[in-house]
Amino acid sequence: MPASNTRMPSSDLHDSPTARAIRATARQAQRTHRAETVRVRQRAALITLLARTMAELHISMAELNAARRALARWKSPQEPDGS
Protein backbone atom coordinates (compact mmCIF):
# COMPACT_ATOMS: atom_id res chain seq x y z
CA MET A 1 0.00 0.00 0.00
CA PRO A 2 1.47 3.42 -0.88
CA ALA A 3 2.24 5.72 2.01
CA SER A 4 -0.18 8.35 0.71
CA ASN A 5 -3.11 5.96 1.24
CA THR A 6 -2.26 5.42 4.93
CA ARG A 7 -2.22 9.11 5.85
CA MET A 8 -5.12 10.66 7.71
CA PRO A 9 -7.12 13.37 5.95
CA SER A 10 -6.13 16.83 7.15
CA SER A 11 -9.55 17.41 8.73
CA ASP A 12 -9.02 14.34 10.92
CA LEU A 13 -5.61 15.64 12.04
CA HIS A 14 -7.21 18.72 13.61
CA ASP A 15 -9.56 16.54 15.64
CA SER A 16 -6.96 14.00 16.75
CA PRO A 17 -6.50 13.41 20.48
CA THR A 18 -2.98 14.81 20.22
CA ALA A 19 -4.17 18.03 18.60
CA ARG A 20 -6.92 18.42 21.21
CA ALA A 21 -4.41 17.82 24.00
CA ILE A 22 -2.06 20.44 22.54
CA ARG A 23 -4.88 22.99 22.32
CA ALA A 24 -6.02 22.16 25.86
CA THR A 25 -2.47 22.58 27.16
CA ALA A 26 -2.15 25.95 25.42
CA ARG A 27 -5.46 27.11 26.92
CA GLN A 28 -4.39 25.95 30.40
CA ALA A 29 -1.08 27.79 30.05
CA GLN A 30 -2.95 30.95 29.06
CA ARG A 31 -5.32 30.62 32.05
CA THR A 32 -2.37 30.07 34.38
CA HIS A 33 -0.63 33.14 33.01
CA ARG A 34 -3.76 35.27 33.47
CA ALA A 35 -4.25 34.01 37.03
CA GLU A 36 -0.63 34.82 37.90
CA THR A 37 -1.05 38.32 36.45
CA VAL A 38 -4.13 38.83 38.64
CA ARG A 39 -2.24 37.61 41.73
CA VAL A 40 0.64 40.00 41.04
CA ARG A 41 -1.76 42.94 40.65
CA GLN A 42 -3.64 42.00 43.83
CA ARG A 43 -0.39 41.71 45.75
CA ALA A 44 0.75 45.12 44.53
CA ALA A 45 -2.60 46.64 45.53
CA LEU A 46 -2.42 45.05 48.98
CA ILE A 47 1.13 46.30 49.55
CA THR A 48 0.07 49.80 48.48
CA LEU A 49 -2.89 49.69 50.86
CA LEU A 50 -0.67 48.45 53.68
CA ALA A 51 1.90 51.21 53.09
CA ARG A 52 -0.80 53.92 53.01
CA THR A 53 -2.46 52.58 56.14
CA MET A 54 0.85 52.36 57.99
CA ALA A 55 1.66 55.95 57.03
CA GLU A 56 -1.80 57.22 57.98
CA LEU A 57 -1.75 55.49 61.37
CA HIS A 58 1.96 56.14 62.01
CA ILE A 59 2.78 52.44 62.28
CA SER A 60 6.51 51.78 62.15
CA MET A 61 8.20 48.78 60.59
CA ALA A 62 9.31 47.77 64.08
CA GLU A 63 5.67 47.66 65.21
CA LEU A 64 4.67 45.74 62.10
CA ASN A 65 7.45 43.18 62.63
CA ALA A 66 6.50 42.82 66.30
CA ALA A 67 2.91 42.16 65.27
CA ARG A 68 4.07 39.58 62.73
CA ARG A 69 6.13 37.79 65.37
CA ALA A 70 3.20 37.83 67.81
CA LEU A 71 0.90 36.43 65.12
CA ALA A 72 3.41 33.68 64.33
CA ARG A 73 3.60 32.74 68.02
CA TRP A 74 -0.20 32.74 68.27
CA LYS A 75 -0.55 30.46 65.22
CA SER A 76 2.05 27.96 66.41
CA PRO A 77 2.57 28.23 70.17
CA GLN A 78 5.81 26.83 71.55
CA GLU A 79 5.53 23.44 73.22
CA PRO A 80 6.46 23.63 76.91
CA ASP A 81 9.70 21.98 77.97
CA GLY A 82 9.35 18.52 79.41
CA SER A 83 12.24 19.20 81.82
PDB file of N, CA and C in Angstrom:
ATOM      1  N   MET A   1       0.847  -1.170   0.000  1.00  0.00           N
ATOM      2  CA  MET A   1       0.000   0.000   0.000  1.00  0.00           C
ATOM      3  C   MET A   1       0.896   1.238   0.000  1.00  0.00           C
ATOM      4  N   PRO A   2       0.648   2.213  -0.869  1.00  0.00           N
ATOM      5  CA  PRO A   2       1.469   3.420  -0.883  1.00  0.00           C
ATOM      6  C   PRO A   2       1.265   4.220   0.394  1.00  0.00           C
ATOM      7  N   ALA A   3       2.294   4.938   0.778  1.00  0.00           N
ATOM      8  CA  ALA A   3       2.243   5.721   2.010  1.00  0.00           C
ATOM      9  C   ALA A   3       1.146   6.764   1.963  1.00  0.00           C
ATOM     10  N   SER A   4       0.842   7.309   0.797  1.00  0.00           N
ATOM     11  CA  SER A   4      -0.182   8.354   0.712  1.00  0.00           C
ATOM     12  C   SER A   4      -1.566   7.829   1.076  1.00  0.00           C
ATOM     13  N   ASN A   5      -1.810   6.535   0.898  1.00  0.00           N
ATOM     14  CA  ASN A   5      -3.114   5.965   1.238  1.00  0.00           C
ATOM     15  C   ASN A   5      -3.275   5.732   2.738  1.00  0.00           C
ATOM     16  N   THR A   6      -2.176   5.692   3.501  1.00  0.00           N
ATOM     17  CA  THR A   6      -2.260   5.422   4.935  1.00  0.00           C
ATOM     18  C   THR A   6      -2.328   6.700   5.761  1.00  0.00           C
ATOM     19  N   ARG A   7      -2.190   7.843   5.120  1.00  0.00           N
ATOM     20  CA  ARG A   7      -2.218   9.113   5.848  1.00  0.00           C
ATOM     21  C   ARG A   7      -3.656   9.494   6.176  1.00  0.00           C
ATOM     22  N   MET A   8      -3.796  10.184   7.301  1.00  0.00           N
ATOM     23  CA  MET A   8      -5.121  10.659   7.712  1.00  0.00           C
ATOM     24  C   MET A   8      -5.473  11.911   6.923  1.00  0.00           C
ATOM     25  N   PRO A   9      -6.726  12.105   6.587  1.00  0.00           N
ATOM     26  CA  PRO A   9      -7.119  13.366   5.954  1.00  0.00           C
ATOM     27  C   PRO A   9      -6.814  14.525   6.894  1.00  0.00           C
ATOM     28  N   SER A  10      -6.533  15.690   6.324  1.00  0.00           N
ATOM     29  CA  SER A  10      -6.133  16.830   7.154  1.00  0.00           C
ATOM     30  C   SER A  10      -7.223  17.233   8.136  1.00  0.00           C
ATOM     31  N   SER A  11      -8.481  17.052   7.799  1.00  0.00           N
ATOM     32  CA  SER A  11      -9.554  17.411   8.735  1.00  0.00           C
ATOM     33  C   SER A  11      -9.527  16.506   9.967  1.00  0.00           C
ATOM     34  N   ASP A  12      -9.126  15.253   9.789  1.00  0.00           N
ATOM     35  CA  ASP A  12      -9.023  14.336  10.921  1.00  0.00           C
ATOM     36  C   ASP A  12      -7.845  14.688  11.818  1.00  0.00           C
ATOM     37  N   LEU A  13      -6.772  15.265  11.241  1.00  0.00           N
ATOM     38  CA  LEU A  13      -5.610  15.635  12.041  1.00  0.00           C
ATOM     39  C   LEU A  13      -5.960  16.713  13.059  1.00  0.00           C
ATOM     40  N   HIS A  14      -6.836  17.632  12.702  1.00  0.00           N
ATOM     41  CA  HIS A  14      -7.206  18.717  13.611  1.00  0.00           C
ATOM     42  C   HIS A  14      -8.066  18.228  14.768  1.00  0.00           C
ATOM     43  N   ASP A  15      -8.699  17.088  14.597  1.00  0.00           N
ATOM     44  CA  ASP A  15      -9.556  16.542  15.643  1.00  0.00           C
ATOM     45  C   ASP A  15      -8.902  15.372  16.371  1.00  0.00           C
ATOM     46  N   SER A  16      -7.633  15.137  16.109  1.00  0.00           N
ATOM     47  CA  SER A  16      -6.963  14.002  16.749  1.00  0.00           C
ATOM     48  C   SER A  16      -6.810  14.269  18.250  1.00  0.00           C
ATOM     49  N   PRO A  17      -6.693  13.218  19.037  1.00  0.00           N
ATOM     50  CA  PRO A  17      -6.497  13.411  20.484  1.00  0.00           C
ATOM     51  C   PRO A  17      -5.247  14.230  20.793  1.00  0.00           C
ATOM     52  N   THR A  18      -4.213  14.038  20.001  1.00  0.00           N
ATOM     53  CA  THR A  18      -2.984  14.806  20.224  1.00  0.00           C
ATOM     54  C   THR A  18      -3.216  16.286  19.987  1.00  0.00           C
ATOM     55  N   ALA A  19      -3.893  16.618  18.907  1.00  0.00           N
ATOM     56  CA  ALA A  19      -4.175  18.027  18.598  1.00  0.00           C
ATOM     57  C   ALA A  19      -5.055  18.644  19.684  1.00  0.00           C
ATOM     58  N   ARG A  20      -6.048  17.903  20.144  1.00  0.00           N
ATOM     59  CA  ARG A  20      -6.921  18.416  21.210  1.00  0.00           C
ATOM     60  C   ARG A  20      -6.127  18.617  22.495  1.00  0.00           C
ATOM     61  N   ALA A  21      -5.227  17.695  22.794  1.00  0.00           N
ATOM     62  CA  ALA A  21      -4.410  17.820  24.005  1.00  0.00           C
ATOM     63  C   ALA A  21      -3.489  19.031  23.909  1.00  0.00           C
ATOM     64  N   ILE A  22      -2.934  19.277  22.732  1.00  0.00           N
ATOM     65  CA  ILE A  22      -2.064  20.441  22.543  1.00  0.00           C
ATOM     66  C   ILE A  22      -2.855  21.728  22.732  1.00  0.00           C
ATOM     67  N   ARG A  23      -4.041  21.798  22.161  1.00  0.00           N
ATOM     68  CA  ARG A  23      -4.880  22.995  22.318  1.00  0.00           C
ATOM     69  C   ARG A  23      -5.287  23.172  23.774  1.00  0.00           C
ATOM     70  N   ALA A  24      -5.621  22.077  24.453  1.00  0.00           N
ATOM     71  CA  ALA A  24      -6.021  22.163  25.864  1.00  0.00           C
ATOM     72  C   ALA A  24      -4.845  22.634  26.720  1.00  0.00           C
ATOM     73  N   THR A  25      -3.657  22.159  26.418  1.00  0.00           N
ATOM     74  CA  THR A  25      -2.466  22.581  27.160  1.00  0.00           C
ATOM     75  C   THR A  25      -2.203  24.063  26.942  1.00  0.00           C
ATOM     76  N   ALA A  26      -2.356  24.526  25.713  1.00  0.00           N
ATOM     77  CA  ALA A  26      -2.152  25.945  25.421  1.00  0.00           C
ATOM     78  C   ALA A  26      -3.175  26.803  26.163  1.00  0.00           C
ATOM     79  N   ARG A  27      -4.430  26.359  26.187  1.00  0.00           N
ATOM     80  CA  ARG A  27      -5.460  27.108  26.921  1.00  0.00           C
ATOM     81  C   ARG A  27      -5.165  27.138  28.414  1.00  0.00           C
ATOM     82  N   GLN A  28      -4.715  26.009  28.965  1.00  0.00           N
ATOM     83  CA  GLN A  28      -4.393  25.955  30.395  1.00  0.00           C
ATOM     84  C   GLN A  28      -3.215  26.872  30.711  1.00  0.00           C
ATOM     85  N   ALA A  29      -2.223  26.898  29.844  1.00  0.00           N
ATOM     86  CA  ALA A  29      -1.079  27.791  30.052  1.00  0.00           C
ATOM     87  C   ALA A  29      -1.519  29.247  30.031  1.00  0.00           C
ATOM     88  N   GLN A  30      -2.433  29.575  29.139  1.00  0.00           N
ATOM     89  CA  GLN A  30      -2.948  30.947  29.064  1.00  0.00           C
ATOM     90  C   GLN A  30      -3.734  31.298  30.325  1.00  0.00           C
ATOM     91  N   ARG A  31      -4.567  30.377  30.809  1.00  0.00           N
ATOM     92  CA  ARG A  31      -5.324  30.624  32.050  1.00  0.00           C
ATOM     93  C   ARG A  31      -4.375  30.798  33.233  1.00  0.00           C
ATOM     94  N   THR A  32      -3.352  29.973  33.293  1.00  0.00           N
ATOM     95  CA  THR A  32      -2.375  30.065  34.379  1.00  0.00           C
ATOM     96  C   THR A  32      -1.664  31.414  34.344  1.00  0.00           C
ATOM     97  N   HIS A  33      -1.298  31.852  33.155  1.00  0.00           N
ATOM     98  CA  HIS A  33      -0.626  33.144  33.008  1.00  0.00           C
ATOM     99  C   HIS A  33      -1.542  34.285  33.465  1.00  0.00           C
ATOM    100  N   ARG A  34      -2.800  34.233  33.056  1.00  0.00           N
ATOM    101  CA  ARG A  34      -3.757  35.273  33.470  1.00  0.00           C
ATOM    102  C   ARG A  34      -3.944  35.281  34.983  1.00  0.00           C
ATOM    103  N   ALA A  35      -4.062  34.101  35.580  1.00  0.00           N
ATOM    104  CA  ALA A  35      -4.250  34.014  37.031  1.00  0.00           C
ATOM    105  C   ALA A  35      -3.032  34.577  37.763  1.00  0.00           C
ATOM    106  N   GLU A  36      -1.843  34.294  37.265  1.00  0.00           N
ATOM    107  CA  GLU A  36      -0.634  34.820  37.896  1.00  0.00           C
ATOM    108  C   GLU A  36      -0.585  36.336  37.777  1.00  0.00           C
ATOM    109  N   THR A  37      -1.000  36.864  36.634  1.00  0.00           N
ATOM    110  CA  THR A  37      -1.049  38.317  36.448  1.00  0.00           C
ATOM    111  C   THR A  37      -2.006  38.951  37.453  1.00  0.00           C
ATOM    112  N   VAL A  38      -3.151  38.327  37.662  1.00  0.00           N
ATOM    113  CA  VAL A  38      -4.127  38.834  38.638  1.00  0.00           C
ATOM    114  C   VAL A  38      -3.530  38.804  40.042  1.00  0.00           C
ATOM    115  N   ARG A  39      -2.855  37.711  40.401  1.00  0.00           N
ATOM    116  CA  ARG A  39      -2.236  37.615  41.735  1.00  0.00           C
ATOM    117  C   ARG A  39      -1.191  38.702  41.940  1.00  0.00           C
ATOM    118  N   VAL A  40      -0.394  38.966  40.928  1.00  0.00           N
ATOM    119  CA  VAL A  40       0.641  39.998  41.041  1.00  0.00           C
ATOM    120  C   VAL A  40      -0.007  41.365  41.252  1.00  0.00           C
ATOM    121  N   ARG A  41      -1.066  41.652  40.499  1.00  0.00           N
ATOM    122  CA  ARG A  41      -1.763  42.941  40.653  1.00  0.00           C
ATOM    123  C   ARG A  41      -2.401  43.052  42.034  1.00  0.00           C
ATOM    124  N   GLN A  42      -3.024  41.976  42.508  1.00  0.00           N
ATOM    125  CA  GLN A  42      -3.642  42.002  43.832  1.00  0.00           C
ATOM    126  C   GLN A  42      -2.599  42.208  44.920  1.00  0.00           C
ATOM    127  N   ARG A  43      -1.465  41.561  44.766  1.00  0.00           N
ATOM    128  CA  ARG A  43      -0.385  41.708  45.751  1.00  0.00           C
ATOM    129  C   ARG A  43       0.121  43.150  45.777  1.00  0.00           C
ATOM    130  N   ALA A  44       0.295  43.732  44.603  1.00  0.00           N
ATOM    131  CA  ALA A  44       0.749  45.119  44.526  1.00  0.00           C
ATOM    132  C   ALA A  44      -0.277  46.056  45.169  1.00  0.00           C
ATOM    133  N   ALA A  45      -1.558  45.813  44.927  1.00  0.00           N
ATOM    134  CA  ALA A  45      -2.604  46.643  45.525  1.00  0.00           C
ATOM    135  C   ALA A  45      -2.618  46.494  47.041  1.00  0.00           C
ATOM    136  N   LEU A  46      -2.432  45.284  47.534  1.00  0.00           N
ATOM    137  CA  LEU A  46      -2.415  45.051  48.975  1.00  0.00           C
ATOM    138  C   LEU A  46      -1.217  45.734  49.628  1.00  0.00           C
ATOM    139  N   ILE A  47      -0.062  45.652  48.998  1.00  0.00           N
ATOM    140  CA  ILE A  47       1.129  46.303  49.553  1.00  0.00           C
ATOM    141  C   ILE A  47       0.939  47.819  49.576  1.00  0.00           C
ATOM    142  N   THR A  48       0.347  48.356  48.516  1.00  0.00           N
ATOM    143  CA  THR A  48       0.075  49.800  48.476  1.00  0.00           C
ATOM    144  C   THR A  48      -0.870  50.194  49.605  1.00  0.00           C
ATOM    145  N   LEU A  49      -1.928  49.423  49.788  1.00  0.00           N
ATOM    146  CA  LEU A  49      -2.889  49.694  50.859  1.00  0.00           C
ATOM    147  C   LEU A  49      -2.216  49.612  52.225  1.00  0.00           C
ATOM    148  N   LEU A  50      -1.378  48.601  52.412  1.00  0.00           N
ATOM    149  CA  LEU A  50      -0.666  48.447  53.675  1.00  0.00           C
ATOM    150  C   LEU A  50       0.246  49.647  53.943  1.00  0.00           C
ATOM    151  N   ALA A  51       0.985  50.070  52.919  1.00  0.00           N
ATOM    152  CA  ALA A  51       1.895  51.212  53.089  1.00  0.00           C
ATOM    153  C   ALA A  51       1.125  52.481  53.422  1.00  0.00           C
ATOM    154  N   ARG A  52       0.011  52.713  52.726  1.00  0.00           N
ATOM    155  CA  ARG A  52      -0.796  53.918  53.008  1.00  0.00           C
ATOM    156  C   ARG A  52      -1.375  53.881  54.412  1.00  0.00           C
ATOM    157  N   THR A  53      -1.872  52.715  54.813  1.00  0.00           N
ATOM    158  CA  THR A  53      -2.460  52.578  56.144  1.00  0.00           C
ATOM    159  C   THR A  53      -1.406  52.787  57.224  1.00  0.00           C
ATOM    160  N   MET A  54      -0.233  52.197  57.009  1.00  0.00           N
ATOM    161  CA  MET A  54       0.845  52.364  57.990  1.00  0.00           C
ATOM    162  C   MET A  54       1.228  53.838  58.107  1.00  0.00           C
ATOM    163  N   ALA A  55       1.300  54.531  56.991  1.00  0.00           N
ATOM    164  CA  ALA A  55       1.663  55.948  57.025  1.00  0.00           C
ATOM    165  C   ALA A  55       0.578  56.758  57.730  1.00  0.00           C
ATOM    166  N   GLU A  56      -0.684  56.472  57.398  1.00  0.00           N
ATOM    167  CA  GLU A  56      -1.803  57.222  57.982  1.00  0.00           C
ATOM    168  C   GLU A  56      -1.892  57.015  59.488  1.00  0.00           C
ATOM    169  N   LEU A  57      -1.625  55.805  59.943  1.00  0.00           N
ATOM    170  CA  LEU A  57      -1.746  55.489  61.367  1.00  0.00           C
ATOM    171  C   LEU A  57      -0.411  55.563  62.108  1.00  0.00           C
ATOM    172  N   HIS A  58       0.621  55.996  61.417  1.00  0.00           N
ATOM    173  CA  HIS A  58       1.961  56.137  62.007  1.00  0.00           C
ATOM    174  C   HIS A  58       2.447  54.827  62.611  1.00  0.00           C
ATOM    175  N   ILE A  59       2.310  53.752  61.843  1.00  0.00           N
ATOM    176  CA  ILE A  59       2.780  52.438  62.278  1.00  0.00           C
ATOM    177  C   ILE A  59       4.184  52.251  61.718  1.00  0.00           C
ATOM    178  N   SER A  60       5.127  51.972  62.599  1.00  0.00           N
ATOM    179  CA  SER A  60       6.509  51.783  62.151  1.00  0.00           C
ATOM    180  C   SER A  60       6.739  50.344  61.702  1.00  0.00           C
ATOM    181  N   MET A  61       7.837  50.138  60.987  1.00  0.00           N
ATOM    182  CA  MET A  61       8.200  48.779  60.589  1.00  0.00           C
ATOM    183  C   MET A  61       8.491  47.921  61.811  1.00  0.00           C
ATOM    184  N   ALA A  62       9.044  48.521  62.854  1.00  0.00           N
ATOM    185  CA  ALA A  62       9.313  47.767  64.085  1.00  0.00           C
ATOM    186  C   ALA A  62       8.002  47.245  64.673  1.00  0.00           C
ATOM    187  N   GLU A  63       6.973  48.099  64.683  1.00  0.00           N
ATOM    188  CA  GLU A  63       5.668  47.664  65.207  1.00  0.00           C
ATOM    189  C   GLU A  63       5.061  46.579  64.315  1.00  0.00           C
ATOM    190  N   LEU A  64       5.202  46.740  63.018  1.00  0.00           N
ATOM    191  CA  LEU A  64       4.675  45.737  62.100  1.00  0.00           C
ATOM    192  C   LEU A  64       5.379  44.397  62.304  1.00  0.00           C
ATOM    193  N   ASN A  65       6.697  44.423  62.416  1.00  0.00           N
ATOM    194  CA  ASN A  65       7.448  43.184  62.634  1.00  0.00           C
ATOM    195  C   ASN A  65       7.108  42.541  63.973  1.00  0.00           C
ATOM    196  N   ALA A  66       6.902  43.363  64.998  1.00  0.00           N
ATOM    197  CA  ALA A  66       6.505  42.822  66.302  1.00  0.00           C
ATOM    198  C   ALA A  66       5.142  42.146  66.197  1.00  0.00           C
ATOM    199  N   ALA A  67       4.234  42.754  65.462  1.00  0.00           N
ATOM    200  CA  ALA A  67       2.905  42.162  65.269  1.00  0.00           C
ATOM    201  C   ALA A  67       3.006  40.852  64.491  1.00  0.00           C
ATOM    202  N   ARG A  68       3.875  40.818  63.495  1.00  0.00           N
ATOM    203  CA  ARG A  68       4.067  39.584  62.726  1.00  0.00           C
ATOM    204  C   ARG A  68       4.611  38.472  63.618  1.00  0.00           C
ATOM    205  N   ARG A  69       5.567  38.798  64.460  1.00  0.00           N
ATOM    206  CA  ARG A  69       6.130  37.788  65.373  1.00  0.00           C
ATOM    207  C   ARG A  69       5.062  37.294  66.349  1.00  0.00           C
ATOM    208  N   ALA A  70       4.261  38.219  66.878  1.00  0.00           N
ATOM    209  CA  ALA A  70       3.195  37.830  67.808  1.00  0.00           C
ATOM    210  C   ALA A  70       2.180  36.928  67.103  1.00  0.00           C
ATOM    211  N   LEU A  71       1.845  37.252  65.876  1.00  0.00           N
ATOM    212  CA  LEU A  71       0.901  36.432  65.117  1.00  0.00           C
ATOM    213  C   LEU A  71       1.486  35.047  64.867  1.00  0.00           C
ATOM    214  N   ALA A  72       2.765  34.976  64.553  1.00  0.00           N
ATOM    215  CA  ALA A  72       3.411  33.680  64.326  1.00  0.00           C
ATOM    216  C   ALA A  72       3.398  32.836  65.599  1.00  0.00           C
ATOM    217  N   ARG A  73       3.639  33.470  66.745  1.00  0.00           N
ATOM    218  CA  ARG A  73       3.596  32.735  68.022  1.00  0.00           C
ATOM    219  C   ARG A  73       2.184  32.264  68.314  1.00  0.00           C
ATOM    220  N   TRP A  74       1.197  33.087  67.998  1.00  0.00           N
ATOM    221  CA  TRP A  74      -0.196  32.740  68.266  1.00  0.00           C
ATOM    222  C   TRP A  74      -0.621  31.561  67.380  1.00  0.00           C
ATOM    223  N   LYS A  75      -0.179  31.551  66.129  1.00  0.00           N
ATOM    224  CA  LYS A  75      -0.551  30.458  65.215  1.00  0.00           C
ATOM    225  C   LYS A  75       0.107  29.147  65.589  1.00  0.00           C
ATOM    226  N   SER A  76       1.345  29.198  66.044  1.00  0.00           N
ATOM    227  CA  SER A  76       2.045  27.958  66.413  1.00  0.00           C
ATOM    228  C   SER A  76       2.742  28.161  67.753  1.00  0.00           C
ATOM    229  N   PRO A  77       1.982  28.006  68.835  1.00  0.00           N
ATOM    230  CA  PRO A  77       2.575  28.233  70.170  1.00  0.00           C
ATOM    231  C   PRO A  77       3.683  27.226  70.436  1.00  0.00           C
ATOM    232  N   GLN A  78       4.676  27.682  71.179  1.00  0.00           N
ATOM    233  CA  GLN A  78       5.807  26.829  71.546  1.00  0.00           C
ATOM    234  C   GLN A  78       5.332  25.754  72.512  1.00  0.00           C
ATOM    235  N   GLU A  79       5.829  24.548  72.304  1.00  0.00           N
ATOM    236  CA  GLU A  79       5.529  23.444  73.222  1.00  0.00           C
ATOM    237  C   GLU A  79       6.317  23.678  74.520  1.00  0.00           C
ATOM    238  N   PRO A  80       5.710  23.470  75.650  1.00  0.00           N
ATOM    239  CA  PRO A  80       6.461  23.635  76.915  1.00  0.00           C
ATOM    240  C   PRO A  80       7.522  22.564  77.037  1.00  0.00           C
ATOM    241  N   ASP A  81       8.604  22.921  77.716  1.00  0.00           N
ATOM    242  CA  ASP A  81       9.698  21.979  77.974  1.00  0.00           C
ATOM    243  C   ASP A  81       9.206  20.841  78.851  1.00  0.00           C
ATOM    244  N   GLY A  82       9.693  19.661  78.577  1.00  0.00           N
ATOM    245  CA  GLY A  82       9.346  18.517  79.410  1.00  0.00           C
ATOM    246  C   GLY A  82      10.317  18.356  80.571  1.00  0.00           C
ATOM    247  N   SER A  83      11.226  19.343  80.766  1.00  0.00           N
ATOM    248  CA  SER A  83      12.236  19.197  81.817  1.00  0.00           C
ATOM    249  C   SER A  83      11.790  19.688  83.160  1.00  0.00           C
TER     250      SER A  83
END
